[in-house]
Every structure is written in C-alpha cells, then in structure tokens.
Amino acid sequence: MIRGFGVKARKVLRISTAADLQFEAPLEIVLYLDPRLRAKNKQINTFDDNLKKLVDQMFDVMYKTNGIGLSAPQVGINVQLMVFNSVGILLKGCFLKIPRNPNSYVFISK
C-alpha cells in the first residue's frame, strides 16, 4: 500500500436517546478521576422537556458553585451539552447561550 492512500476510518456518530438524558435531581459535580469524565459523549438531536429540565438543573448547579459554565459530563451525564453565562450572574431578561452540539447553539431567556 502506498503511504497516504489508505482507507480512512469513518467517525461513528453517537446519537443520544431519551434514556441518556434521564437524571435524578439534585445534580452533583463529578470529581476528578471518575470514569464518566473520560467516556465518549453522545450528540443531542431530541429537544424535549427532559432536556429543558436538565438544562435548568445544570444552571442551578453552576450558579450554586459560583461558576460561569458547566458541561453535562461534569454532572455525570455523557451528552454533548454545555451551559454558560459569561456574566457569571443571572440578570432578569438575560439570554443564556447553550451549545446544543459542536456546531450550533440555542439561546434561552431567563
């Protein structure tokens, strides 16, 4: 085989299911060396009430720990989801930016 002309391995797209978004409140921060922090994360394609509840819980955890951002794996849920507020405090009528997958964002108003 000539170098550089091999067959490339295809990247397998991992899509989340409703079961991947199940959680028990309250969410807790996962500590370093927990295997969930190294697990592969699935892409979210379903936007339903479970996702909204998860996002609300993640914002609660983020504000309680004085953070400005939090990813789902940090609370033990292996999906490609991150919430953040660059201001760091919740202001009335503030729009919060939520990357729903690596290529797009959803904006919500609190």
Protein backbone atom coordinates (compact mmCIF):
# COMPACT_ATOMS: atom_id res chain seq x y z
CA MET A 1 0.00 0.00 0.00
CA ILE A 2 1.27 3.45 -0.90
CA ARG A 3 1.67 5.74 2.06
CA GLY A 4 -1.11 8.28 2.42
CA PHE A 5 -3.62 6.42 0.25
CA GLY A 6 -5.09 4.08 2.85
CA VAL A 7 -8.74 3.81 3.74
CA LYS A 8 -9.73 6.30 6.43
CA ALA A 9 -11.71 5.02 9.36
CA ARG A 10 -15.14 6.60 9.48
CA LYS A 11 -16.12 8.51 12.55
CA VAL A 12 -19.11 6.86 14.20
CA LEU A 13 -21.77 9.39 15.12
CA ARG A 14 -23.19 8.63 18.54
CA ILE A 15 -26.74 9.96 18.96
CA SER A 16 -28.33 10.28 22.39
CA THR A 17 -31.62 8.64 23.34
CA ALA A 18 -34.22 9.73 25.87
CA ALA A 19 -32.60 7.37 28.39
CA ASP A 20 -29.29 9.26 28.08
CA LEU A 21 -30.98 12.43 29.33
CA GLN A 22 -32.52 10.83 32.43
CA PHE A 23 -31.18 12.13 35.72
CA GLU A 24 -32.05 12.42 39.38
CA ALA A 25 -32.22 15.85 40.97
CA PRO A 26 -30.24 17.37 42.51
CA LEU A 27 -27.28 17.04 40.18
CA GLU A 28 -23.85 16.85 41.77
CA ILE A 29 -20.42 17.70 40.38
CA VAL A 30 -18.44 14.60 39.37
CA LEU A 31 -14.96 14.57 40.87
CA TYR A 32 -11.67 14.09 39.03
CA LEU A 33 -10.76 10.50 38.06
CA ASP A 34 -14.42 9.47 37.80
CA PRO A 35 -14.64 7.27 34.65
CA ARG A 36 -17.68 9.23 33.38
CA LEU A 37 -15.38 12.18 32.70
CA ARG A 38 -13.44 10.13 30.11
CA ALA A 39 -16.43 8.42 28.48
CA LYS A 40 -17.48 9.30 24.92
CA ASN A 41 -20.30 11.82 24.78
CA LYS A 42 -23.33 11.46 22.55
CA GLN A 43 -24.76 14.16 20.33
CA ILE A 44 -28.21 15.52 21.23
CA ASN A 45 -30.82 15.54 18.47
CA THR A 46 -34.02 15.47 20.53
CA PHE A 47 -35.18 18.66 22.23
CA ASP A 48 -37.90 17.91 24.75
CA ASP A 49 -38.94 18.61 28.34
CA ASN A 50 -36.26 16.26 29.72
CA LEU A 51 -33.57 18.36 28.07
CA LYS A 52 -35.11 21.59 29.37
CA LYS A 53 -35.20 20.16 32.91
CA LEU A 54 -31.59 19.03 32.59
CA VAL A 55 -30.51 22.49 31.41
CA ASP A 56 -32.38 24.16 34.29
CA GLN A 57 -30.73 21.81 36.80
CA MET A 58 -27.31 22.42 35.25
CA PHE A 59 -27.77 26.19 35.56
CA ASP A 60 -28.77 25.74 39.22
CA VAL A 61 -25.61 23.73 39.92
CA MET A 62 -23.48 26.25 38.01
CA TYR A 63 -24.81 29.22 39.99
CA LYS A 64 -24.60 27.40 43.35
CA THR A 65 -20.91 26.68 42.73
CA ASN A 66 -20.19 30.24 41.53
CA GLY A 67 -19.30 29.07 38.04
CA ILE A 68 -19.79 30.63 34.64
CA GLY A 69 -20.04 27.36 32.70
CA LEU A 70 -20.78 23.68 33.16
CA SER A 71 -20.76 20.69 30.82
CA ALA A 72 -23.06 17.69 31.14
CA PRO A 73 -20.19 15.21 31.77
CA GLN A 74 -19.22 17.29 34.82
CA VAL A 75 -22.54 16.26 36.39
CA GLY A 76 -22.30 12.64 35.20
CA ILE A 77 -24.39 12.82 32.01
CA ASN A 78 -22.47 11.86 28.88
CA VAL A 79 -24.03 14.02 26.19
CA GLN A 80 -22.58 16.96 24.24
CA LEU A 81 -24.20 19.74 26.22
CA MET A 82 -22.76 22.79 27.91
CA VAL A 83 -24.37 25.76 29.61
CA PHE A 84 -22.68 29.04 30.35
CA ASN A 85 -23.27 32.63 31.26
CA SER A 86 -20.24 34.81 30.62
CA VAL A 87 -21.54 37.47 33.01
CA GLY A 88 -21.50 34.96 35.87
CA ILE A 89 -24.69 36.23 37.48
CA LEU A 90 -28.28 35.80 36.41
CA LEU A 91 -29.81 39.07 35.29
CA LYS A 92 -33.52 39.50 34.60
CA GLY A 93 -34.20 39.13 30.89
CA CYS A 94 -30.69 37.77 30.32
CA PHE A 95 -30.18 35.49 27.31
CA LEU A 96 -28.13 32.41 28.04
CA LYS A 97 -26.20 30.61 25.32
CA ILE A 98 -26.38 26.82 25.24
CA PRO A 99 -24.30 24.95 22.65
CA ARG A 100 -26.54 22.01 21.74
CA ASN A 101 -23.85 20.22 19.77
CA PRO A 102 -20.43 21.23 18.46
CA ASN A 103 -21.96 23.08 15.51
CA SER A 104 -24.97 25.02 16.78
CA TYR A 105 -26.36 26.99 19.71
CA VAL A 106 -29.70 27.51 21.38
CA PHE A 107 -30.47 30.76 23.18
CA ILE A 108 -32.88 30.88 26.09
CA SER A 109 -34.14 33.78 28.13
CA LYS A 110 -34.27 33.55 31.94
